[in-house]
Amino acid sequence: MADYDAIVVGAGLSGSTAAYCMAKAGLSVLVIERGEASGSKNVTGGRLYGHSLEKIIPGFADSAPVERKVVKERISMMTEDSCFTVDFSSERFKDPSCASYTVMRANFDPWLAARAEEAGCDVVCPAVADDLLRDGDKVIGVRAGEDELTSEVVILADGVNSLLAQKAGMKEELSPHQVAVGCKEIVELPKGAINERFGLNDGEGMAQLFAGTPSGGLVGGGFLYTNKDTVSVGLVMTVAGLKTSAARLPDLLEAFRESAPIKPLLSGGKLVEYAAHLVPEGGLYMIPTLTRDNVLLVGDAAGFCLNLAYTVRGMDYAIASGQLAAETVIEAKEKGDFSNTVLSGYVSRLENSYVLKDMKTHKRAPGLIEHTKRLYKEYPELAANALADVFRVSGPSRLIIRKTLPKIFKAGPFGLLMDGLKGSRAL
């Protein structure tokens, strides 16, 4: 008889959600986390779209350690001397069904893991699952150091670089084109200073994304999120781009932090944390084999992340995939059958959910972002030059549009048309 019905490797959002849902249904569950605590190894960005967790734990934000509710969105295009920003705020963002929150994963993940423990599962950390335990070809658990822990099913929630998924033959080694490096600094500021500088009230937050000079013309961009009394600022750059460039990510991040649009916002702040993390960027085409006999993949291990340039999705997909994996395992438990015949129902559930529907709808987005080089230098410069002509007054203003249009079409009408068509198909 197995020690547990299910062993979950990784206590991030997907793993803890799966564990919570299975334990609530009465299954015996063990979660193994290699960090000192849940979330200690995860430094992902700082924004959680709450709709997926709201369906599982209604009103979760009332007790969860969220930082601020995002009510303001900004998208900026930067050059060396200019910054063009679209700023949008709305009371609609406060509706719990579509609200998003800035979060610190080192605080939020332990809260979610604790909910799983309260539901009845065991959480062990730090503990490293070194390998899958097998009886012949059948996976029967995991090996953690000298311990052999058995289960009917193993859920791999161990991140984008899941070595266990590779050992299971479900996933190939990552390509540099499939992943990016997220590099983040957390700067401490008084809550009142954050409210004043970003035009916020207590509890309100802002999310801002940047294209152009922050990535040095390479594929990538910057981000800034407001927390309770800190600001998260950083860059996300593809590994493939960094490999072919002389630019160093820490140098680019320092230049971004010291740039004219960012420096005043962080003035007087104290740097309290620096971290980096791999992020899945390949979209639909990097999703590996999701199920086999006695094994399922969830979250980043399954490649469930989507960068649409104007927003980045990942945490809500992780939570939803954890829930759907749990539903599949619960069904397998009822049937007494943990073979791929039953576990493949997880893929069907994903296909009927927004997770794979979104991934399919935006399957061209990763290619657009990686191969449309003008997004990272030319277009920000075109926007800056055109707007400088429109708003800069040094004499007669006649014919200003006639002077500006050639700058807008500097990339060539055909190039603009093709990029527009690619963008509309991808996004």
Protein backbone atom coordinates (compact mmCIF):
# COMPACT_ATOMS: atom_id res chain seq x y z
CA MET A 1 0.00 0.00 0.00
CA ALA A 2 1.33 3.46 -0.94
CA ASP A 3 2.28 5.98 1.75
CA TYR A 4 0.11 8.65 0.10
CA ASP A 5 -2.52 8.98 -2.57
CA ALA A 6 -0.53 11.84 -4.10
CA ILE A 7 2.91 13.39 -3.73
CA VAL A 8 3.31 16.97 -5.00
CA VAL A 9 6.84 18.15 -5.78
CA GLY A 10 6.98 21.92 -5.28
CA ALA A 11 4.98 24.17 -2.95
CA GLY A 12 4.48 27.09 -5.32
CA LEU A 13 1.07 28.25 -6.46
CA SER A 14 0.27 25.26 -8.66
CA GLY A 15 1.55 22.66 -6.22
CA SER A 16 -0.14 24.10 -3.14
CA THR A 17 -3.41 24.60 -5.03
CA ALA A 18 -3.38 20.97 -6.19
CA ALA A 19 -2.58 19.80 -2.66
CA TYR A 20 -5.33 21.97 -1.14
CA CYS A 21 -8.01 20.70 -3.54
CA MET A 22 -7.03 17.04 -3.13
CA ALA A 23 -6.83 17.26 0.67
CA LYS A 24 -10.24 18.96 0.78
CA ALA A 25 -11.60 15.93 -1.09
CA GLY A 26 -10.16 13.59 1.55
CA LEU A 27 -7.05 12.33 -0.28
CA SER A 28 -3.80 11.79 1.61
CA VAL A 29 -1.26 14.23 0.19
CA LEU A 30 2.41 15.03 0.74
CA VAL A 31 4.04 18.22 -0.57
CA ILE A 32 7.83 18.31 -0.88
CA GLU A 33 9.50 21.73 -1.20
CA ARG A 34 13.24 22.19 -1.70
CA GLY A 35 13.30 25.75 -0.31
CA GLU A 36 13.53 26.64 3.35
CA ALA A 37 9.86 27.61 3.09
CA SER A 38 7.18 27.72 0.41
CA GLY A 39 7.95 30.57 -1.96
CA SER A 40 11.54 31.05 -0.84
CA LYS A 41 12.78 29.86 -4.25
CA ASN A 42 10.20 31.77 -6.26
CA VAL A 43 10.77 35.46 -7.03
CA THR A 44 8.32 35.72 -9.96
CA GLY A 45 7.39 39.31 -10.83
CA GLY A 46 4.81 40.60 -8.44
CA ARG A 47 1.29 40.42 -9.92
CA LEU A 48 -1.44 37.86 -9.31
CA TYR A 49 -4.65 37.89 -11.36
CA GLY A 50 -6.97 36.70 -8.62
CA HIS A 51 -9.90 35.21 -10.58
CA SER A 52 -8.60 31.62 -10.52
CA LEU A 53 -7.97 31.52 -6.76
CA GLU A 54 -11.20 33.42 -6.07
CA LYS A 55 -13.11 30.45 -7.52
CA ILE A 56 -11.31 28.05 -5.16
CA ILE A 57 -11.13 30.18 -1.99
CA PRO A 58 -13.82 32.89 -2.28
CA GLY A 59 -12.73 36.14 -0.66
CA PHE A 60 -9.13 34.91 -0.36
CA ALA A 61 -7.74 38.46 -0.58
CA ASP A 62 -9.39 39.38 2.73
CA SER A 63 -7.00 37.08 4.61
CA ALA A 64 -4.13 36.46 2.18
CA PRO A 65 -0.98 38.61 2.44
CA VAL A 66 -1.58 40.53 -0.79
CA GLU A 67 0.26 43.85 -1.11
CA ARG A 68 -2.05 46.17 -3.07
CA LYS A 69 -5.04 45.82 -5.40
CA VAL A 70 -4.01 47.03 -8.88
CA VAL A 71 -6.23 49.91 -10.01
CA LYS A 72 -3.81 51.61 -12.38
CA GLU A 73 -2.11 50.29 -15.53
CA ARG A 74 0.77 51.95 -17.36
CA ILE A 75 2.60 50.95 -20.53
CA SER A 76 5.67 52.98 -21.48
CA MET A 77 7.95 53.21 -24.51
CA MET A 78 11.37 54.59 -23.55
CA THR A 79 14.31 56.03 -25.47
CA GLU A 80 17.52 57.55 -24.13
CA ASP A 81 15.86 60.94 -23.63
CA SER A 82 12.10 60.37 -23.81
CA CYS A 83 9.28 58.32 -22.35
CA PHE A 84 5.81 57.86 -23.86
CA THR A 85 3.29 56.39 -21.40
CA VAL A 86 -0.30 55.20 -21.70
CA ASP A 87 -1.94 55.53 -18.28
CA PHE A 88 -5.28 53.87 -17.47
CA SER A 89 -7.09 53.55 -14.15
CA SER A 90 -10.57 52.22 -13.42
CA GLU A 91 -12.84 51.38 -10.52
CA ARG A 92 -13.76 48.24 -12.47
CA PHE A 93 -10.46 46.69 -11.42
CA LYS A 94 -11.75 46.49 -7.84
CA ASP A 95 -14.36 43.82 -8.65
CA PRO A 96 -13.10 40.62 -6.92
CA SER A 97 -14.03 38.53 -9.96
CA CYS A 98 -11.42 40.32 -12.06
CA ALA A 99 -9.19 41.98 -9.47
CA SER A 100 -5.43 41.62 -9.56
CA TYR A 101 -2.97 42.12 -6.74
CA THR A 102 0.70 42.80 -6.26
CA VAL A 103 2.17 40.05 -4.12
CA MET A 104 5.46 39.03 -2.56
CA ARG A 105 5.80 35.32 -3.21
CA ALA A 106 7.88 34.76 -0.08
CA ASN A 107 4.79 35.84 1.90
CA PHE A 108 1.96 34.68 -0.32
CA ASP A 109 3.15 31.12 -1.08
CA PRO A 110 3.50 30.12 2.62
CA TRP A 111 -0.05 31.39 3.20
CA LEU A 112 -1.41 29.16 0.42
CA ALA A 113 0.68 26.17 1.58
CA ALA A 114 -0.73 26.69 5.09
CA ARG A 115 -4.27 26.48 3.66
CA ALA A 116 -3.29 23.11 2.15
CA GLU A 117 -1.95 21.96 5.52
CA GLU A 118 -5.16 23.04 7.23
CA ALA A 119 -7.06 20.98 4.67
CA GLY A 120 -5.10 17.92 5.82
CA CYS A 121 -1.99 17.50 3.66
CA ASP A 122 1.60 17.21 4.88
CA VAL A 123 4.13 19.83 3.77
CA VAL A 124 7.83 19.07 4.20
CA CYS A 125 10.57 21.62 3.57
CA PRO A 126 13.40 21.83 2.92
CA ALA A 127 13.40 18.50 1.14
CA VAL A 128 14.71 17.70 -2.32
CA ALA A 129 13.04 15.12 -4.55
CA ASP A 130 16.13 13.73 -6.26
CA ASP A 131 14.39 11.26 -8.53
CA LEU A 132 11.19 9.45 -9.31
CA LEU A 133 10.76 6.10 -7.60
CA ARG A 134 9.92 3.25 -9.96
CA ASP A 135 8.74 -0.32 -9.86
CA GLY A 136 9.87 -1.42 -13.30
CA ASP A 137 8.50 1.24 -15.66
CA LYS A 138 5.81 2.34 -13.25
CA VAL A 139 6.33 5.53 -11.19
CA ILE A 140 5.40 4.76 -7.59
CA GLY A 141 6.68 7.84 -5.75
CA VAL A 142 9.82 9.90 -5.24
CA ARG A 143 13.26 9.44 -3.75
CA ALA A 144 14.30 12.26 -1.41
CA GLY A 145 17.80 11.72 -0.12
CA GLU A 146 17.75 8.34 1.62
CA ASP A 147 13.96 8.34 1.92
CA GLU A 148 11.71 6.48 -0.50
CA LEU A 149 8.18 7.88 -0.41
CA THR A 150 5.47 6.03 -2.31
CA SER A 151 2.22 7.30 -3.80
CA GLU A 152 -0.41 6.44 -6.39
CA VAL A 153 0.39 9.59 -8.38
CA VAL A 154 3.10 12.26 -8.51
CA ILE A 155 2.33 15.86 -9.49
CA LEU A 156 5.41 17.75 -10.67
CA ALA A 157 5.14 21.43 -9.76
CA ASP A 158 8.88 22.03 -9.57
CA GLY A 159 9.24 24.98 -11.93
CA VAL A 160 10.20 25.73 -15.51
CA ASN A 161 13.46 23.74 -15.32
CA SER A 162 11.82 20.54 -14.07
CA LEU A 163 14.59 17.95 -14.04
CA LEU A 164 12.16 15.29 -12.81
CA ALA A 165 9.95 15.86 -15.85
CA GLN A 166 13.03 15.39 -18.04
CA LYS A 167 13.90 12.18 -16.20
CA ALA A 168 10.33 10.98 -16.75
CA GLY A 169 10.77 11.52 -20.50
CA MET A 170 7.97 14.09 -20.52
CA LYS A 171 10.06 17.15 -21.24
CA GLU A 172 13.15 17.99 -23.26
CA GLU A 173 16.01 20.21 -22.12
CA LEU A 174 15.05 23.87 -22.36
CA SER A 175 15.94 25.91 -25.43
CA PRO A 176 17.31 29.46 -24.92
CA HIS A 177 14.42 30.67 -27.10
CA GLN A 178 11.86 29.18 -24.71
CA VAL A 179 12.92 30.92 -21.51
CA ALA A 180 13.75 34.36 -20.20
CA VAL A 181 15.59 35.59 -17.14
CA GLY A 182 13.63 37.81 -14.82
CA CYS A 183 15.87 40.07 -12.73
CA LYS A 184 14.26 42.08 -9.92
CA GLU A 185 15.14 44.57 -7.21
CA ILE A 186 12.87 45.44 -4.30
CA VAL A 187 13.24 48.99 -3.01
CA GLU A 188 11.80 49.97 0.36
CA LEU A 189 9.86 53.25 0.57
CA PRO A 190 7.34 54.66 3.06
CA LYS A 191 3.75 53.83 2.17
CA GLY A 192 2.89 57.52 2.01
CA ALA A 193 5.71 58.22 -0.45
CA ILE A 194 4.49 55.41 -2.73
CA ASN A 195 0.93 56.76 -2.62
CA GLU A 196 2.08 60.29 -3.46
CA ARG A 197 4.54 59.38 -6.22
CA PHE A 198 2.20 57.03 -8.05
CA GLY A 199 -1.08 58.83 -7.37
CA LEU A 200 -2.55 56.05 -5.23
CA ASN A 201 -4.65 55.70 -2.09
CA ASP A 202 -3.99 53.19 0.70
CA GLY A 203 -4.42 49.66 -0.61
CA GLU A 204 -4.33 50.74 -4.26
CA GLY A 205 -1.56 49.55 -6.57
CA MET A 206 -0.07 50.14 -9.99
CA ALA A 207 1.50 47.89 -12.61
CA GLN A 208 3.77 49.35 -15.30
CA LEU A 209 5.55 47.70 -18.23
CA PHE A 210 8.35 49.26 -20.31
CA ALA A 211 9.70 48.69 -23.83
CA GLY A 212 12.70 50.26 -25.54
CA THR A 213 15.93 51.27 -23.86
CA PRO A 214 15.40 49.17 -20.68
CA SER A 215 16.30 46.05 -22.70
CA GLY A 216 19.07 47.76 -24.67
CA GLY A 217 17.35 46.96 -27.96
CA LEU A 218 17.21 43.24 -27.12
CA VAL A 219 14.06 41.14 -26.79
CA GLY A 220 12.65 41.97 -23.39
CA GLY A 221 11.33 44.80 -21.27
CA GLY A 222 11.06 46.36 -17.85
CA PHE A 223 8.43 46.24 -15.14
CA LEU A 224 7.49 48.12 -11.99
CA TYR A 225 4.95 47.10 -9.34
CA THR A 226 3.93 48.98 -6.20
CA ASN A 227 3.71 47.00 -2.97
CA LYS A 228 2.62 48.12 0.51
CA ASP A 229 5.90 49.76 1.45
CA THR A 230 8.22 48.60 -1.34
CA VAL A 231 8.49 48.89 -5.11
CA SER A 232 9.45 45.93 -7.33
CA VAL A 233 11.45 47.01 -10.38
CA GLY A 234 13.17 44.76 -12.90
CA LEU A 235 13.75 43.39 -16.37
CA VAL A 236 12.78 40.24 -18.24
CA MET A 237 15.11 39.26 -21.12
CA THR A 238 15.21 36.16 -23.31
CA VAL A 239 18.15 33.85 -22.72
CA ALA A 240 18.70 33.58 -26.48
CA GLY A 241 19.12 37.35 -26.77
CA LEU A 242 21.48 37.60 -23.82
CA LYS A 243 23.65 34.82 -25.24
CA THR A 244 24.38 36.80 -28.40
CA SER A 245 24.84 40.19 -26.73
CA ALA A 246 27.72 41.84 -24.93
CA ALA A 247 25.18 43.46 -22.58
CA ARG A 248 25.01 42.11 -19.02
CA LEU A 249 21.60 41.87 -17.37
CA PRO A 250 22.74 43.45 -14.06
CA ASP A 251 24.18 46.43 -15.99
CA LEU A 252 20.95 46.88 -17.93
CA LEU A 253 18.93 46.74 -14.72
CA GLU A 254 21.17 49.35 -13.08
CA ALA A 255 20.80 51.64 -16.11
CA PHE A 256 17.01 51.16 -16.02
CA ARG A 257 16.86 51.97 -12.31
CA GLU A 258 18.96 55.12 -12.86
CA SER A 259 16.98 56.29 -15.92
CA ALA A 260 15.08 59.60 -15.81
CA PRO A 261 11.57 58.03 -15.64
CA ILE A 262 12.48 55.62 -12.81
CA LYS A 263 15.09 57.30 -10.60
CA PRO A 264 12.80 59.97 -9.08
CA LEU A 265 10.21 57.33 -8.22
CA LEU A 266 12.76 55.37 -6.17
CA SER A 267 14.60 58.37 -4.69
CA GLY A 268 15.48 57.87 -1.03
CA GLY A 269 14.53 54.20 -1.17
CA LYS A 270 16.54 51.34 0.34
CA LEU A 271 17.42 48.27 -1.72
CA VAL A 272 16.28 45.30 0.36
CA GLU A 273 16.32 42.42 -2.13
CA TYR A 274 17.86 41.36 -5.44
CA ALA A 275 16.86 38.15 -7.21
CA ALA A 276 16.71 36.44 -10.60
CA HIS A 277 14.53 33.65 -11.92
CA LEU A 278 13.88 31.67 -15.12
CA VAL A 279 10.52 32.36 -16.80
CA PRO A 280 8.82 30.18 -19.47
CA GLU A 281 8.35 32.25 -22.65
CA GLY A 282 7.65 29.71 -25.39
CA GLY A 283 3.87 29.68 -25.09
CA LEU A 284 1.87 26.85 -26.63
CA TYR A 285 4.82 25.38 -28.49
CA MET A 286 6.88 24.71 -25.36
CA ILE A 287 4.15 22.78 -23.52
CA PRO A 288 5.58 19.28 -22.87
CA THR A 289 3.80 15.96 -22.44
CA LEU A 290 1.47 16.73 -19.54
CA THR A 291 0.50 13.24 -18.37
CA ARG A 292 1.73 9.70 -18.32
CA ASP A 293 0.93 6.77 -16.05
CA ASN A 294 0.97 8.06 -12.44
CA VAL A 295 2.49 11.50 -13.29
CA LEU A 296 1.12 14.99 -14.14
CA LEU A 297 2.82 18.36 -14.81
CA VAL A 298 1.40 21.69 -13.61
CA GLY A 299 2.33 25.37 -13.53
CA ASP A 300 5.70 26.50 -14.88
CA ALA A 301 6.80 22.87 -15.19
CA ALA A 302 4.07 22.58 -17.83
CA GLY A 303 5.08 25.87 -19.50
CA PHE A 304 1.85 27.65 -18.58
CA CYS A 305 2.95 31.26 -18.98
CA LEU A 306 2.02 33.85 -21.60
CA ASN A 307 3.73 37.16 -22.36
CA LEU A 308 1.46 39.41 -24.42
CA ALA A 309 3.70 42.50 -24.10
CA TYR A 310 0.88 44.50 -22.45
CA THR A 311 0.43 41.91 -19.71
CA VAL A 312 2.15 38.77 -18.44
CA ARG A 313 0.06 35.80 -17.32
CA GLY A 314 1.39 32.89 -15.30
CA MET A 315 0.25 32.80 -11.69
CA ASP A 316 -3.44 32.43 -12.56
CA TYR A 317 -2.60 29.65 -15.03
CA ALA A 318 -0.56 27.91 -12.33
CA ILE A 319 -3.45 27.99 -9.87
CA ALA A 320 -5.98 26.80 -12.47
CA SER A 321 -3.72 23.95 -13.62
CA GLY A 322 -3.26 22.85 -10.01
CA GLN A 323 -7.02 22.77 -9.51
CA LEU A 324 -7.62 20.81 -12.73
CA ALA A 325 -4.86 18.34 -11.91
CA ALA A 326 -6.42 17.80 -8.50
CA GLU A 327 -9.85 17.17 -10.04
CA THR A 328 -8.27 14.59 -12.33
CA VAL A 329 -6.50 12.80 -9.47
CA ILE A 330 -9.69 12.79 -7.41
CA GLU A 331 -11.47 11.09 -10.31
CA ALA A 332 -8.61 8.58 -10.64
CA LYS A 333 -8.86 7.81 -6.92
CA GLU A 334 -12.59 7.15 -7.25
CA LYS A 335 -11.95 4.80 -10.16
CA GLY A 336 -8.90 3.19 -8.56
CA ASP A 337 -7.04 3.80 -11.81
CA PHE A 338 -4.06 6.17 -12.07
CA SER A 339 -3.05 5.17 -15.58
CA ASN A 340 -2.64 7.67 -18.38
CA THR A 341 -6.05 6.59 -19.68
CA VAL A 342 -7.67 8.37 -16.73
CA LEU A 343 -5.02 11.03 -16.07
CA SER A 344 -5.27 12.26 -19.66
CA GLY A 345 -8.58 13.73 -18.52
CA TYR A 346 -6.36 16.51 -17.15
CA VAL A 347 -5.55 17.57 -20.72
CA SER A 348 -9.24 17.54 -21.61
CA ARG A 349 -10.00 19.73 -18.61
CA LEU A 350 -7.24 22.13 -19.63
CA GLU A 351 -8.57 22.32 -23.18
CA ASN A 352 -12.02 23.21 -21.87
CA SER A 353 -10.57 25.85 -19.53
CA TYR A 354 -9.23 29.32 -20.27
CA VAL A 355 -5.66 28.04 -19.79
CA LEU A 356 -5.19 26.17 -23.06
CA LYS A 357 -7.80 28.28 -24.83
CA ASP A 358 -5.66 31.35 -24.09
CA MET A 359 -2.45 29.56 -25.05
CA LYS A 360 -3.98 28.55 -28.39
CA THR A 361 -5.54 31.94 -29.08
CA HIS A 362 -2.19 33.65 -28.54
CA LYS A 363 0.05 30.92 -29.94
CA ARG A 364 1.78 33.42 -32.26
CA ALA A 365 2.57 35.91 -29.48
CA PRO A 366 5.98 34.46 -28.51
CA GLY A 367 7.12 34.53 -32.13
CA LEU A 368 5.88 38.11 -32.55
CA ILE A 369 7.70 39.26 -29.43
CA GLU A 370 10.96 37.50 -30.32
CA HIS A 371 11.16 38.28 -34.02
CA THR A 372 9.68 41.79 -34.31
CA LYS A 373 12.94 43.54 -33.42
CA ARG A 374 11.52 47.01 -34.13
CA LEU A 375 9.46 46.73 -30.93
CA TYR A 376 12.57 47.19 -28.80
CA LYS A 377 14.28 50.16 -30.45
CA GLU A 378 12.76 51.55 -33.63
CA TYR A 379 9.14 51.93 -32.58
CA PRO A 380 9.92 53.64 -29.23
CA GLU A 381 12.20 56.04 -31.12
CA LEU A 382 9.53 56.70 -33.76
CA ALA A 383 6.94 57.43 -31.09
CA ALA A 384 9.32 59.71 -29.18
CA ASN A 385 10.37 61.66 -32.29
CA ALA A 386 6.82 62.10 -33.52
CA LEU A 387 5.48 63.24 -30.15
CA ALA A 388 8.43 65.56 -29.59
CA ASP A 389 7.49 67.32 -32.84
CA VAL A 390 3.85 67.52 -31.79
CA PHE A 391 4.44 68.93 -28.30
CA ARG A 392 7.68 70.90 -28.69
CA VAL A 393 7.04 74.54 -29.60
CA SER A 394 9.90 76.72 -30.84
CA GLY A 395 8.16 78.93 -33.35
CA PRO A 396 5.61 78.42 -36.15
CA SER A 397 3.48 75.29 -35.71
CA ARG A 398 2.19 74.95 -39.27
CA LEU A 399 2.93 71.77 -41.25
CA ILE A 400 3.90 69.91 -38.08
CA ILE A 401 1.91 66.81 -39.05
CA ARG A 402 3.50 66.82 -42.49
CA LYS A 403 6.92 66.81 -40.84
CA THR A 404 5.95 64.13 -38.34
CA LEU A 405 4.41 61.57 -40.70
CA PRO A 406 7.70 60.70 -42.46
CA LYS A 407 9.21 59.91 -39.06
CA ILE A 408 6.33 57.60 -38.23
CA PHE A 409 6.78 55.80 -41.55
CA LYS A 410 10.56 55.61 -41.24
CA ALA A 411 10.29 51.82 -40.89
CA GLY A 412 8.54 51.76 -44.26
CA PRO A 413 4.79 51.46 -44.84
CA PHE A 414 5.16 47.79 -45.74
CA GLY A 415 7.10 47.03 -42.56
CA LEU A 416 4.53 48.81 -40.42
CA LEU A 417 1.70 47.00 -42.19
CA MET A 418 3.30 43.59 -41.75
CA ASP A 419 4.09 44.18 -38.08
CA GLY A 420 0.51 45.39 -37.57
CA LEU A 421 -0.91 42.28 -39.21
CA LYS A 422 1.36 40.00 -37.17
CA GLY A 423 0.41 41.83 -33.99
CA SER A 424 -3.33 41.60 -34.66
CA ARG A 425 -3.04 37.85 -35.35
CA ALA A 426 -0.91 37.21 -32.27
CA LEU A 427 -2.71 39.38 -29.73
